[in-house]
Amino acid sequence: MVESLNTVHDHVVDAVFISGFAKYGQIMVGDRAFEFFKNGNPNDHFAFRWSEIEKIEVEVHGEKVGRFFALILENHQKLRFSSNQTGPLMRVIRDRIGNEKIIKAPTFGRSLTKLFRKRRKS
């Protein structure tokens, strides 16, 4: 059996890890780390200490938090997840890493306007 980095699990949520193929499992947020355990094989898991997470990008539509979010690690690796309970999950994570590390994910429209603004300045 796999050892968890956490001593206490504050929040457990069903989620999907998106990496080309969808991996279904559970996200466990605790006092020391963010962990993902795959449903079929609990040995297939990964965990990141709070100090390893640089920021978290969350999809926001108007005033509502979307299903998708991405962890951005210190080495600039981006891991994408989806969950039905992203809002409550982000509240628990915000208590662990701070409000300044949770940011809005850029939308397609914002990306286009940013691209055109750079071209005008040139």
PDB file of N, CA and C in Angstrom:
ATOM      1  N   MET A   1       0.837  -1.183   0.000  1.00  0.00           N
ATOM      2  CA  MET A   1       0.000   0.000   0.000  1.00  0.00           C
ATOM      3  C   MET A   1       0.881   1.246   0.000  1.00  0.00           C
ATOM      4  N   VAL A   2       0.387   2.286  -0.572  1.00  0.00           N
ATOM      5  CA  VAL A   2       1.117   3.539  -0.718  1.00  0.00           C
ATOM      6  C   VAL A   2       0.964   4.382   0.542  1.00  0.00           C
ATOM      7  N   GLU A   3       2.045   5.001   0.953  1.00  0.00           N
ATOM      8  CA  GLU A   3       2.020   5.900   2.103  1.00  0.00           C
ATOM      9  C   GLU A   3       1.651   7.304   1.646  1.00  0.00           C
ATOM     10  N   SER A   4       0.751   7.927   2.346  1.00  0.00           N
ATOM     11  CA  SER A   4       0.356   9.296   2.057  1.00  0.00           C
ATOM     12  C   SER A   4       1.339  10.262   2.713  1.00  0.00           C
ATOM     13  N   LEU A   5       1.589  11.402   2.059  1.00  0.00           N
ATOM     14  CA  LEU A   5       2.431  12.432   2.657  1.00  0.00           C
ATOM     15  C   LEU A   5       1.698  13.177   3.760  1.00  0.00           C
ATOM     16  N   ASN A   6       0.378  13.189   3.690  1.00  0.00           N
ATOM     17  CA  ASN A   6      -0.438  13.929   4.644  1.00  0.00           C
ATOM     18  C   ASN A   6      -0.703  13.111   5.902  1.00  0.00           C
ATOM     19  N   THR A   7      -0.809  13.810   7.019  1.00  0.00           N
ATOM     20  CA  THR A   7      -1.245  13.162   8.252  1.00  0.00           C
ATOM     21  C   THR A   7      -2.745  13.335   8.433  1.00  0.00           C
ATOM     22  N   VAL A   8      -3.300  14.412   7.856  1.00  0.00           N
ATOM     23  CA  VAL A   8      -4.724  14.703   7.928  1.00  0.00           C
ATOM     24  C   VAL A   8      -5.208  15.045   6.525  1.00  0.00           C
ATOM     25  N   HIS A   9      -6.334  14.453   6.099  1.00  0.00           N
ATOM     26  CA  HIS A   9      -6.932  14.795   4.806  1.00  0.00           C
ATOM     27  C   HIS A   9      -8.086  15.755   5.050  1.00  0.00           C
ATOM     28  N   ASP A  10      -7.923  17.005   4.610  1.00  0.00           N
ATOM     29  CA  ASP A  10      -8.957  18.017   4.798  1.00  0.00           C
ATOM     30  C   ASP A  10     -10.112  17.852   3.824  1.00  0.00           C
ATOM     31  N   HIS A  11      -9.782  17.440   2.591  1.00  0.00           N
ATOM     32  CA  HIS A  11     -10.810  17.387   1.556  1.00  0.00           C
ATOM     33  C   HIS A  11     -10.459  16.272   0.566  1.00  0.00           C
ATOM     34  N   VAL A  12     -11.428  15.441   0.228  1.00  0.00           N
ATOM     35  CA  VAL A  12     -11.255  14.367  -0.751  1.00  0.00           C
ATOM     36  C   VAL A  12     -12.320  14.544  -1.819  1.00  0.00           C
ATOM     37  N   VAL A  13     -11.887  14.580  -3.097  1.00  0.00           N
ATOM     38  CA  VAL A  13     -12.793  14.873  -4.209  1.00  0.00           C
ATOM     39  C   VAL A  13     -12.520  13.902  -5.355  1.00  0.00           C
ATOM     40  N   ASP A  14     -13.575  13.433  -6.016  1.00  0.00           N
ATOM     41  CA  ASP A  14     -13.406  12.671  -7.249  1.00  0.00           C
ATOM     42  C   ASP A  14     -12.948  13.623  -8.335  1.00  0.00           C
ATOM     43  N   ALA A  15     -11.979  13.194  -9.140  1.00  0.00           N
ATOM     44  CA  ALA A  15     -11.411  14.081 -10.153  1.00  0.00           C
ATOM     45  C   ALA A  15     -10.866  13.278 -11.320  1.00  0.00           C
ATOM     46  N   VAL A  16     -10.496  14.020 -12.362  1.00  0.00           N
ATOM     47  CA  VAL A  16      -9.889  13.437 -13.553  1.00  0.00           C
ATOM     48  C   VAL A  16      -8.569  14.158 -13.791  1.00  0.00           C
ATOM     49  N   PHE A  17      -7.494  13.389 -13.964  1.00  0.00           N
ATOM     50  CA  PHE A  17      -6.204  13.942 -14.343  1.00  0.00           C
ATOM     51  C   PHE A  17      -6.123  13.844 -15.857  1.00  0.00           C
ATOM     52  N   ILE A  18      -5.874  14.967 -16.517  1.00  0.00           N
ATOM     53  CA  ILE A  18      -5.894  15.021 -17.978  1.00  0.00           C
ATOM     54  C   ILE A  18      -4.452  15.112 -18.480  1.00  0.00           C
ATOM     55  N   SER A  19      -3.998  14.034 -19.126  1.00  0.00           N
ATOM     56  CA  SER A  19      -2.641  14.012 -19.668  1.00  0.00           C
ATOM     57  C   SER A  19      -2.637  13.200 -20.961  1.00  0.00           C
ATOM     58  N   GLY A  20      -3.362  13.664 -21.939  1.00  0.00           N
ATOM     59  CA  GLY A  20      -3.519  12.873 -23.157  1.00  0.00           C
ATOM     60  C   GLY A  20      -4.634  11.864 -22.977  1.00  0.00           C
ATOM     61  N   PHE A  21      -4.497  11.006 -21.985  1.00  0.00           N
ATOM     62  CA  PHE A  21      -5.552  10.079 -21.597  1.00  0.00           C
ATOM     63  C   PHE A  21      -6.106  10.532 -20.259  1.00  0.00           C
ATOM     64  N   ALA A  22      -7.387  10.322 -20.057  1.00  0.00           N
ATOM     65  CA  ALA A  22      -8.005  10.693 -18.788  1.00  0.00           C
ATOM     66  C   ALA A  22      -7.742   9.610 -17.756  1.00  0.00           C
ATOM     67  N   LYS A  23      -7.281  10.018 -16.597  1.00  0.00           N
ATOM     68  CA  LYS A  23      -7.081   9.095 -15.481  1.00  0.00           C
ATOM     69  C   LYS A  23      -8.047   9.495 -14.381  1.00  0.00           C
ATOM     70  N   TYR A  24      -8.966   8.601 -14.050  1.00  0.00           N
ATOM     71  CA  TYR A  24      -9.974   8.868 -13.032  1.00  0.00           C
ATOM     72  C   TYR A  24      -9.449   8.469 -11.672  1.00  0.00           C
ATOM     73  N   GLY A  25      -9.728   9.304 -10.671  1.00  0.00           N
ATOM     74  CA  GLY A  25      -9.247   9.010  -9.334  1.00  0.00           C
ATOM     75  C   GLY A  25      -9.775  10.002  -8.326  1.00  0.00           C
ATOM     76  N   GLN A  26      -9.009  10.178  -7.272  1.00  0.00           N
ATOM     77  CA  GLN A  26      -9.388  11.089  -6.196  1.00  0.00           C
ATOM     78  C   GLN A  26      -8.241  12.032  -5.864  1.00  0.00           C
ATOM     79  N   ILE A  27      -8.618  13.272  -5.616  1.00  0.00           N
ATOM     80  CA  ILE A  27      -7.669  14.269  -5.126  1.00  0.00           C
ATOM     81  C   ILE A  27      -7.836  14.333  -3.614  1.00  0.00           C
ATOM     82  N   MET A  28      -6.720  14.272  -2.921  1.00  0.00           N
ATOM     83  CA  MET A  28      -6.733  14.391  -1.468  1.00  0.00           C
ATOM     84  C   MET A  28      -5.878  15.585  -1.074  1.00  0.00           C
ATOM     85  N   VAL A  29      -6.509  16.540  -0.431  1.00  0.00           N
ATOM     86  CA  VAL A  29      -5.818  17.741   0.036  1.00  0.00           C
ATOM     87  C   VAL A  29      -5.656  17.611   1.540  1.00  0.00           C
ATOM     88  N   GLY A  30      -4.435  17.762   1.992  1.00  0.00           N
ATOM     89  CA  GLY A  30      -4.172  17.601   3.415  1.00  0.00           C
ATOM     90  C   GLY A  30      -3.269  18.673   3.967  1.00  0.00           C
ATOM     91  N   ASP A  31      -2.703  18.386   5.115  1.00  0.00           N
ATOM     92  CA  ASP A  31      -1.888  19.370   5.811  1.00  0.00           C
ATOM     93  C   ASP A  31      -0.512  19.558   5.192  1.00  0.00           C
ATOM     94  N   ARG A  32      -0.013  18.572   4.431  1.00  0.00           N
ATOM     95  CA  ARG A  32       1.338  18.671   3.885  1.00  0.00           C
ATOM     96  C   ARG A  32       1.418  18.684   2.366  1.00  0.00           C
ATOM     97  N   ALA A  33       0.390  18.139   1.659  1.00  0.00           N
ATOM     98  CA  ALA A  33       0.547  17.953   0.215  1.00  0.00           C
ATOM     99  C   ALA A  33      -0.786  17.867  -0.521  1.00  0.00           C
ATOM    100  N   PHE A  34      -0.669  17.984  -1.845  1.00  0.00           N
ATOM    101  CA  PHE A  34      -1.751  17.743  -2.791  1.00  0.00           C
ATOM    102  C   PHE A  34      -1.474  16.370  -3.389  1.00  0.00           C
ATOM    103  N   GLU A  35      -2.428  15.433  -3.284  1.00  0.00           N
ATOM    104  CA  GLU A  35      -2.212  14.073  -3.753  1.00  0.00           C
ATOM    105  C   GLU A  35      -3.318  13.643  -4.702  1.00  0.00           C
ATOM    106  N   PHE A  36      -2.954  12.840  -5.706  1.00  0.00           N
ATOM    107  CA  PHE A  36      -3.906  12.247  -6.636  1.00  0.00           C
ATOM    108  C   PHE A  36      -3.679  10.744  -6.662  1.00  0.00           C
ATOM    109  N   PHE A  37      -4.727   9.983  -6.391  1.00  0.00           N
ATOM    110  CA  PHE A  37      -4.677   8.527  -6.423  1.00  0.00           C
ATOM    111  C   PHE A  37      -5.617   8.027  -7.501  1.00  0.00           C
ATOM    112  N   LYS A  38      -5.121   7.169  -8.381  1.00  0.00           N
ATOM    113  CA  LYS A  38      -5.926   6.596  -9.457  1.00  0.00           C
ATOM    114  C   LYS A  38      -6.868   5.543  -8.876  1.00  0.00           C
ATOM    115  N   ASN A  39      -8.111   5.486  -9.402  1.00  0.00           N
ATOM    116  CA  ASN A  39      -9.111   4.559  -8.881  1.00  0.00           C
ATOM    117  C   ASN A  39      -8.711   3.105  -9.029  1.00  0.00           C
ATOM    118  N   GLY A  40      -8.334   2.680 -10.216  1.00  0.00           N
ATOM    119  CA  GLY A  40      -8.043   1.275 -10.460  1.00  0.00           C
ATOM    120  C   GLY A  40      -6.787   0.775  -9.780  1.00  0.00           C
ATOM    121  N   ASN A  41      -5.785   1.636  -9.662  1.00  0.00           N
ATOM    122  CA  ASN A  41      -4.495   1.225  -9.123  1.00  0.00           C
ATOM    123  C   ASN A  41      -3.993   2.300  -8.163  1.00  0.00           C
ATOM    124  N   PRO A  42      -4.192   2.139  -6.872  1.00  0.00           N
ATOM    125  CA  PRO A  42      -3.743   3.173  -5.923  1.00  0.00           C
ATOM    126  C   PRO A  42      -2.229   3.349  -5.889  1.00  0.00           C
ATOM    127  N   ASN A  43      -1.479   2.372  -6.418  1.00  0.00           N
ATOM    128  CA  ASN A  43      -0.022   2.542  -6.492  1.00  0.00           C
ATOM    129  C   ASN A  43       0.366   3.553  -7.563  1.00  0.00           C
ATOM    130  N   ASP A  44      -0.528   3.809  -8.515  1.00  0.00           N
ATOM    131  CA  ASP A  44      -0.310   4.819  -9.546  1.00  0.00           C
ATOM    132  C   ASP A  44      -0.812   6.152  -8.998  1.00  0.00           C
ATOM    133  N   HIS A  45       0.037   6.867  -8.327  1.00  0.00           N
ATOM    134  CA  HIS A  45      -0.350   8.125  -7.696  1.00  0.00           C
ATOM    135  C   HIS A  45       0.800   9.123  -7.804  1.00  0.00           C
ATOM    136  N   PHE A  46       0.499  10.355  -7.479  1.00  0.00           N
ATOM    137  CA  PHE A  46       1.537  11.358  -7.325  1.00  0.00           C
ATOM    138  C   PHE A  46       1.120  12.349  -6.260  1.00  0.00           C
ATOM    139  N   ALA A  47       2.109  12.945  -5.636  1.00  0.00           N
ATOM    140  CA  ALA A  47       1.879  13.888  -4.555  1.00  0.00           C
ATOM    141  C   ALA A  47       2.875  15.036  -4.678  1.00  0.00           C
ATOM    142  N   PHE A  48       2.397  16.234  -4.378  1.00  0.00           N
ATOM    143  CA  PHE A  48       3.244  17.421  -4.418  1.00  0.00           C
ATOM    144  C   PHE A  48       3.092  18.174  -3.109  1.00  0.00           C
ATOM    145  N   ARG A  49       4.209  18.449  -2.483  1.00  0.00           N
ATOM    146  CA  ARG A  49       4.183  19.244  -1.258  1.00  0.00           C
ATOM    147  C   ARG A  49       3.744  20.664  -1.605  1.00  0.00           C
ATOM    148  N   TRP A  50       3.177  21.361  -0.639  1.00  0.00           N
ATOM    149  CA  TRP A  50       2.683  22.719  -0.887  1.00  0.00           C
ATOM    150  C   TRP A  50       3.817  23.644  -1.332  1.00  0.00           C
ATOM    151  N   SER A  51       5.022  23.411  -0.877  1.00  0.00           N
ATOM    152  CA  SER A  51       6.145  24.265  -1.264  1.00  0.00           C
ATOM    153  C   SER A  51       6.544  24.061  -2.730  1.00  0.00           C
ATOM    154  N   GLU A  52       6.183  22.937  -3.345  1.00  0.00           N
ATOM    155  CA  GLU A  52       6.520  22.654  -4.743  1.00  0.00           C
ATOM    156  C   GLU A  52       5.543  23.294  -5.728  1.00  0.00           C
ATOM    157  N   ILE A  53       4.391  23.749  -5.247  1.00  0.00           N
ATOM    158  CA  ILE A  53       3.379  24.324  -6.126  1.00  0.00           C
ATOM    159  C   ILE A  53       3.602  25.824  -6.223  1.00  0.00           C
ATOM    160  N   GLU A  54       3.869  26.295  -7.458  1.00  0.00           N
ATOM    161  CA  GLU A  54       4.102  27.723  -7.681  1.00  0.00           C
ATOM    162  C   GLU A  54       2.784  28.493  -7.711  1.00  0.00           C
ATOM    163  N   LYS A  55       1.809  27.994  -8.482  1.00  0.00           N
ATOM    164  CA  LYS A  55       0.485  28.619  -8.532  1.00  0.00           C
ATOM    165  C   LYS A  55      -0.521  27.633  -9.100  1.00  0.00           C
ATOM    166  N   ILE A  56      -1.791  28.006  -9.005  1.00  0.00           N
ATOM    167  CA  ILE A  56      -2.881  27.191  -9.529  1.00  0.00           C
ATOM    168  C   ILE A  56      -3.748  28.080 -10.404  1.00  0.00           C
ATOM    169  N   GLU A  57      -3.927  27.668 -11.667  1.00  0.00           N
ATOM    170  CA  GLU A  57      -4.796  28.394 -12.601  1.00  0.00           C
ATOM    171  C   GLU A  57      -6.173  27.743 -12.568  1.00  0.00           C
ATOM    172  N   VAL A  58      -7.204  28.562 -12.373  1.00  0.00           N
ATOM    173  CA  VAL A  58      -8.571  28.065 -12.288  1.00  0.00           C
ATOM    174  C   VAL A  58      -9.411  28.731 -13.364  1.00  0.00           C
ATOM    175  N   GLU A  59     -10.227  27.938 -14.062  1.00  0.00           N
ATOM    176  CA  GLU A  59     -11.158  28.484 -15.045  1.00  0.00           C
ATOM    177  C   GLU A  59     -12.268  29.214 -14.312  1.00  0.00           C
ATOM    178  N   VAL A  60     -12.561  30.442 -14.734  1.00  0.00           N
ATOM    179  CA  VAL A  60     -13.641  31.222 -14.138  1.00  0.00           C
ATOM    180  C   VAL A  60     -14.528  31.741 -15.262  1.00  0.00           C
ATOM    181  N   HIS A  61     -15.829  31.515 -15.136  1.00  0.00           N
ATOM    182  CA  HIS A  61     -16.812  31.976 -16.118  1.00  0.00           C
ATOM    183  C   HIS A  61     -17.741  32.954 -15.417  1.00  0.00           C
ATOM    184  N   GLY A  62     -17.517  34.240 -15.630  1.00  0.00           N
ATOM    185  CA  GLY A  62     -18.302  35.256 -14.930  1.00  0.00           C
ATOM    186  C   GLY A  62     -17.968  35.210 -13.449  1.00  0.00           C
ATOM    187  N   GLU A  63     -18.931  34.826 -12.643  1.00  0.00           N
ATOM    188  CA  GLU A  63     -18.729  34.706 -11.196  1.00  0.00           C
ATOM    189  C   GLU A  63     -18.581  33.256 -10.751  1.00  0.00           C
ATOM    190  N   LYS A  64     -18.691  32.299 -11.687  1.00  0.00           N
ATOM    191  CA  LYS A  64     -18.657  30.890 -11.325  1.00  0.00           C
ATOM    192  C   LYS A  64     -17.301  30.261 -11.626  1.00  0.00           C
ATOM    193  N   VAL A  65     -16.887  29.386 -10.739  1.00  0.00           N
ATOM    194  CA  VAL A  65     -15.647  28.644 -10.923  1.00  0.00           C
ATOM    195  C   VAL A  65     -15.951  27.450 -11.826  1.00  0.00           C
ATOM    196  N   GLY A  66     -15.140  27.273 -12.873  1.00  0.00           N
ATOM    197  CA  GLY A  66     -15.342  26.174 -13.809  1.00  0.00           C
ATOM    198  C   GLY A  66     -14.831  24.857 -13.257  1.00  0.00           C
ATOM    199  N   ARG A  67     -14.944  23.818 -14.057  1.00  0.00           N
ATOM    200  CA  ARG A  67     -14.529  22.482 -13.631  1.00  0.00           C
ATOM    201  C   ARG A  67     -13.023  22.279 -13.717  1.00  0.00           C
ATOM    202  N   PHE A  68     -12.352  22.970 -14.615  1.00  0.00           N
ATOM    203  CA  PHE A  68     -10.953  22.696 -14.905  1.00  0.00           C
ATOM    204  C   PHE A  68     -10.015  23.599 -14.117  1.00  0.00           C
ATOM    205  N   PHE A  69      -8.904  23.020 -13.694  1.00  0.00           N
ATOM    206  CA  PHE A  69      -7.844  23.800 -13.054  1.00  0.00           C
ATOM    207  C   PHE A  69      -6.515  23.119 -13.351  1.00  0.00           C
ATOM    208  N   ALA A  70      -5.444  23.874 -13.177  1.00  0.00           N
ATOM    209  CA  ALA A  70      -4.111  23.356 -13.478  1.00  0.00           C
ATOM    210  C   ALA A  70      -3.158  23.727 -12.350  1.00  0.00           C
ATOM    211  N   LEU A  71      -2.368  22.765 -11.926  1.00  0.00           N
ATOM    212  CA  LEU A  71      -1.280  23.011 -10.985  1.00  0.00           C
ATOM    213  C   LEU A  71      -0.054  23.401 -11.793  1.00  0.00           C
ATOM    214  N   ILE A  72       0.612  24.460 -11.413  1.00  0.00           N
ATOM    215  CA  ILE A  72       1.866  24.845 -12.043  1.00  0.00           C
ATOM    216  C   ILE A  72       2.944  24.699 -10.980  1.00  0.00           C
ATOM    217  N   LEU A  73       3.886  23.813 -11.257  1.00  0.00           N
ATOM    218  CA  LEU A  73       4.921  23.479 -10.281  1.00  0.00           C
ATOM    219  C   LEU A  73       6.118  24.405 -10.415  1.00  0.00           C
ATOM    220  N   GLU A  74       7.050  24.300  -9.505  1.00  0.00           N
ATOM    221  CA  GLU A  74       8.253  25.144  -9.505  1.00  0.00           C
ATOM    222  C   GLU A  74       9.057  25.000 -10.782  1.00  0.00           C
ATOM    223  N   ASN A  75       9.062  23.800 -11.378  1.00  0.00           N
ATOM    224  CA  ASN A  75       9.811  23.577 -12.619  1.00  0.00           C
ATOM    225  C   ASN A  75       8.967  23.926 -13.853  1.00  0.00           C
ATOM    226  N   HIS A  76       7.886  24.675 -13.667  1.00  0.00           N
ATOM    227  CA  HIS A  76       6.985  25.171 -14.703  1.00  0.00           C
ATOM    228  C   HIS A  76       6.240  24.056 -15.426  1.00  0.00           C
ATOM    229  N   GLN A  77       6.143  22.892 -14.825  1.00  0.00           N
ATOM    230  CA  GLN A  77       5.336  21.808 -15.355  1.00  0.00           C
ATOM    231  C   GLN A  77       3.880  22.104 -15.015  1.00  0.00           C
ATOM    232  N   LYS A  78       2.981  21.882 -15.973  1.00  0.00           N
ATOM    233  CA  LYS A  78       1.568  22.169 -15.775  1.00  0.00           C
ATOM    234  C   LYS A  78       0.784  20.862 -15.793  1.00  0.00           C
ATOM    235  N   LEU A  79       0.049  20.593 -14.721  1.00  0.00           N
ATOM    236  CA  LEU A  79      -0.769  19.396 -14.595  1.00  0.00           C
ATOM    237  C   LEU A  79      -2.236  19.804 -14.569  1.00  0.00           C
ATOM    238  N   ARG A  80      -3.037  19.259 -15.490  1.00  0.00           N
ATOM    239  CA  ARG A  80      -4.435  19.659 -15.607  1.00  0.00           C
ATOM    240  C   ARG A  80      -5.365  18.646 -14.953  1.00  0.00           C
ATOM    241  N   PHE A  81      -6.377  19.177 -14.280  1.00  0.00           N
ATOM    242  CA  PHE A  81      -7.367  18.361 -13.586  1.00  0.00           C
ATOM    243  C   PHE A  81      -8.759  18.884 -13.887  1.00  0.00           C
ATOM    244  N   SER A  82      -9.756  18.023 -13.659  1.00  0.00           N
ATOM    245  CA  SER A  82     -11.153  18.403 -13.777  1.00  0.00           C
ATOM    246  C   SER A  82     -11.907  17.780 -12.612  1.00  0.00           C
ATOM    247  N   SER A  83     -12.841  18.538 -12.043  1.00  0.00           N
ATOM    248  CA  SER A  83     -13.638  18.038 -10.931  1.00  0.00           C
ATOM    249  C   SER A  83     -14.970  18.788 -10.884  1.00  0.00           C
ATOM    250  N   ASN A  84     -15.998  18.099 -10.410  1.00  0.00           N
ATOM    251  CA  ASN A  84     -17.298  18.749 -10.225  1.00  0.00           C
ATOM    252  C   ASN A  84     -17.287  19.686  -9.031  1.00  0.00           C
ATOM    253  N   GLN A  85     -16.365  19.500  -8.124  1.00  0.00           N
ATOM    254  CA  GLN A  85     -16.328  20.260  -6.876  1.00  0.00           C
ATOM    255  C   GLN A  85     -15.094  21.146  -6.792  1.00  0.00           C
ATOM    256  N   THR A  86     -14.795  21.849  -7.880  1.00  0.00           N
ATOM    257  CA  THR A  86     -13.597  22.685  -7.921  1.00  0.00           C
ATOM    258  C   THR A  86     -13.675  23.854  -6.938  1.00  0.00           C
ATOM    259  N   GLY A  87     -14.840  24.475  -6.806  1.00  0.00           N
ATOM    260  CA  GLY A  87     -14.993  25.619  -5.903  1.00  0.00           C
ATOM    261  C   GLY A  87     -14.629  25.298  -4.465  1.00  0.00           C
ATOM    262  N   PRO A  88     -15.288  24.297  -3.858  1.00  0.00           N
ATOM    263  CA  PRO A  88     -14.918  23.941  -2.481  1.00  0.00           C
ATOM    264  C   PRO A  88     -13.469  23.464  -2.351  1.00  0.00           C
ATOM    265  N   LEU A  89     -12.963  22.786  -3.367  1.00  0.00           N
ATOM    266  CA  LEU A  89     -11.579  22.327  -3.354  1.00  0.00           C
ATOM    267  C   LEU A  89     -10.613  23.513  -3.325  1.00  0.00           C
ATOM    268  N   MET A  90     -10.889  24.544  -4.114  1.00  0.00           N
ATOM    269  CA  MET A  90     -10.021  25.726  -4.154  1.00  0.00           C
ATOM    270  C   MET A  90     -10.046  26.485  -2.835  1.00  0.00           C
ATOM    271  N   ARG A  91     -11.184  26.479  -2.145  1.00  0.00           N
ATOM    272  CA  ARG A  91     -11.244  27.144  -0.839  1.00  0.00           C
ATOM    273  C   ARG A  91     -10.314  26.466   0.166  1.00  0.00           C
ATOM    274  N   VAL A  92     -10.282  25.136   0.142  1.00  0.00           N
ATOM    275  CA  VAL A  92      -9.405  24.397   1.051  1.00  0.00           C
ATOM    276  C   VAL A  92      -7.945  24.619   0.676  1.00  0.00           C
ATOM    277  N   ILE A  93      -7.644  24.587  -0.635  1.00  0.00           N
ATOM    278  CA  ILE A  93      -6.266  24.804  -1.092  1.00  0.00           C
ATOM    279  C   ILE A  93      -5.808  26.224  -0.778  1.00  0.00           C
ATOM    280  N   ARG A  94      -6.705  27.186  -0.920  1.00  0.00           N
ATOM    281  CA  ARG A  94      -6.364  28.587  -0.628  1.00  0.00           C
ATOM    282  C   ARG A  94      -5.915  28.753   0.824  1.00  0.00           C
ATOM    283  N   ASP A  95      -6.509  28.002   1.730  1.00  0.00           N
ATOM    284  CA  ASP A  95      -6.084  28.067   3.134  1.00  0.00           C
ATOM    285  C   ASP A  95      -4.667  27.539   3.315  1.00  0.00           C
ATOM    286  N   ARG A  96      -4.240  26.637   2.431  1.00  0.00           N
ATOM    287  CA  ARG A  96      -2.912  26.029   2.537  1.00  0.00           C
ATOM    288  C   ARG A  96      -1.820  26.853   1.860  1.00  0.00           C
ATOM    289  N   ILE A  97      -2.091  27.382   0.650  1.00  0.00           N
ATOM    290  CA  ILE A  97      -1.009  28.036  -0.103  1.00  0.00           C
ATOM    291  C   ILE A  97      -1.151  29.547  -0.193  1.00  0.00           C
ATOM    292  N   GLY A  98      -2.300  30.081   0.151  1.00  0.00           N
ATOM    293  CA  GLY A  98      -2.501  31.526   0.091  1.00  0.00           C
ATOM    294  C   GLY A  98      -3.314  31.942  -1.122  1.00  0.00           C
ATOM    295  N   ASN A  99      -4.012  33.036  -0.990  1.00  0.00           N
ATOM    296  CA  ASN A  99      -4.905  33.527  -2.037  1.00  0.00           C
ATOM    297  C   ASN A  99      -4.155  34.037  -3.266  1.00  0.00           C
ATOM    298  N   GLU A 100      -2.940  34.554  -3.079  1.00  0.00           N
ATOM    299  CA  GLU A 100      -2.181  35.129  -4.189  1.00  0.00           C
ATOM    300  C   GLU A 100      -1.684  34.083  -5.173  1.00  0.00           C
ATOM    301  N   LYS A 101      -1.643  32.821  -4.786  1.00  0.00           N
ATOM    302  CA  LYS A 101      -1.162  31.768  -5.682  1.00  0.00           C
ATOM    303  C   LYS A 101      -2.271  31.132  -6.517  1.00  0.00           C
ATOM    304  N   ILE A 102      -3.513  31.503  -6.270  1.00  0.00           N
ATOM    305  CA  ILE A 102      -4.627  30.993  -7.073  1.00  0.00           C
ATOM    306  C   ILE A 102      -5.030  32.106  -8.027  1.00  0.00           C
ATOM    307  N   ILE A 103      -4.890  31.829  -9.342  1.00  0.00           N
ATOM    308  CA  ILE A 103      -5.140  32.856 -10.351  1.00  0.00           C
ATOM    309  C   ILE A 103      -6.152  32.357 -11.385  1.00  0.00           C
ATOM    310  N   LYS A 104      -6.735  33.299 -12.121  1.00  0.00           N
ATOM    311  CA  LYS A 104      -7.645  32.955 -13.205  1.00  0.00           C
ATOM    312  C   LYS A 104      -6.854  32.439 -14.394  1.00  0.00           C
ATOM    313  N   ALA A 105      -7.341  31.387 -14.997  1.00  0.00           N
ATOM    314  CA  ALA A 105      -6.708  30.851 -16.205  1.00  0.00           C
ATOM    315  C   ALA A 105      -7.034  31.771 -17.373  1.00  0.00           C
ATOM    316  N   PRO A 106      -6.091  32.007 -18.264  1.00  0.00           N
ATOM    317  CA  PRO A 106      -6.377  32.860 -19.420  1.00  0.00           C
ATOM    318  C   PRO A 106      -7.389  32.181 -20.343  1.00  0.00           C
ATOM    319  N   THR A 107      -8.377  32.961 -20.790  1.00  0.00           N
ATOM    320  CA  THR A 107      -9.371  32.432 -21.721  1.00  0.00           C
ATOM    321  C   THR A 107      -8.866  32.603 -23.145  1.00  0.00           C
ATOM    322  N   PHE A 108      -9.554  32.010 -24.079  1.00  0.00           N
ATOM    323  CA  PHE A 108      -9.175  32.125 -25.484  1.00  0.00           C
ATOM    324  C   PHE A 108      -9.247  33.584 -25.947  1.00  0.00           C
ATOM    325  N   GLY A 109     -10.288  34.288 -25.542  1.00  0.00           N
ATOM    326  CA  GLY A 109     -10.437  35.702 -25.923  1.00  0.00           C
ATOM    327  C   GLY A 109      -9.322  36.565 -25.369  1.00  0.00           C
ATOM    328  N   ARG A 110      -8.953  36.360 -24.101  1.00  0.00           N
ATOM    329  CA  ARG A 110      -7.870  37.132 -23.497  1.00  0.00           C
ATOM    330  C   ARG A 110      -6.538  36.828 -24.172  1.00  0.00           C
ATOM    331  N   SER A 111      -6.343  35.573 -24.581  1.00  0.00           N
ATOM    332  CA  SER A 111      -5.109  35.207 -25.268  1.00  0.00           C
ATOM    333  C   SER A 111      -5.007  35.904 -26.618  1.00  0.00           C
ATOM    334  N   LEU A 112      -6.133  36.002 -27.335  1.00  0.00           N
ATOM    335  CA  LEU A 112      -6.129  36.683 -28.630  1.00  0.00           C
ATOM    336  C   LEU A 112      -5.847  38.170 -28.487  1.00  0.00           C
ATOM    337  N   THR A 113      -6.496  38.822 -27.532  1.00  0.00           N
ATOM    338  CA  THR A 113      -6.261  40.259 -27.356  1.00  0.00           C
ATOM    339  C   THR A 113      -4.820  40.522 -26.937  1.00  0.00           C
ATOM    340  N   LYS A 114      -4.258  39.660 -26.121  1.00  0.00           N
ATOM    341  CA  LYS A 114      -2.859  39.809 -25.721  1.00  0.00           C
ATOM    342  C   LYS A 114      -1.928  39.677 -26.925  1.00  0.00           C
ATOM    343  N   LEU A 115      -2.239  38.754 -27.812  1.00  0.00           N
ATOM    344  CA  LEU A 115      -1.442  38.543 -29.017  1.00  0.00           C
ATOM    345  C   LEU A 115      -1.489  39.776 -29.925  1.00  0.00           C
ATOM    346  N   PHE A 116      -2.682  40.354 -30.128  1.00  0.00           N
ATOM    347  CA  PHE A 116      -2.810  41.527 -30.992  1.00  0.00           C
ATOM    348  C   PHE A 116      -2.185  42.764 -30.374  1.00  0.00           C
ATOM    349  N   ARG A 117      -2.235  42.904 -29.063  1.00  0.00           N
ATOM    350  CA  ARG A 117      -1.583  44.051 -28.412  1.00  0.00           C
ATOM    351  C   ARG A 117      -0.073  43.997 -28.599  1.00  0.00           C
ATOM    352  N   LYS A 118       0.507  42.825 -28.549  1.00  0.00           N
ATOM    353  CA  LYS A 118       1.943  42.698 -28.752  1.00  0.00           C
ATOM    354  C   LYS A 118       2.311  43.073 -30.188  1.00  0.00           C
ATOM    355  N   ARG A 119       1.481  42.708 -31.152  1.00  0.00           N
ATOM    356  CA  ARG A 119       1.773  43.024 -32.566  1.00  0.00           C
ATOM    357  C   ARG A 119       1.682  44.515 -32.827  1.00  0.00           C
ATOM    358  N   ARG A 120       0.754  45.215 -32.196  1.00  0.00           N
ATOM    359  CA  ARG A 120       0.610  46.661 -32.412  1.00  0.00           C
ATOM    360  C   ARG A 120       1.821  47.418 -31.902  1.00  0.00           C
ATOM    361  N   LYS A 121       2.391  46.977 -30.799  1.00  0.00           N
ATOM    362  CA  LYS A 121       3.530  47.660 -30.195  1.00  0.00           C
ATOM    363  C   LYS A 121       4.777  47.528 -31.038  1.00  0.00           C
ATOM    364  N   SER A 122       4.869  46.479 -31.844  1.00  0.00           N
ATOM    365  CA  SER A 122       6.069  46.238 -32.649  1.00  0.00           C
ATOM    366  C   SER A 122       6.212  47.214 -33.775  1.00  0.00           C
TER     367      SER A 122
END
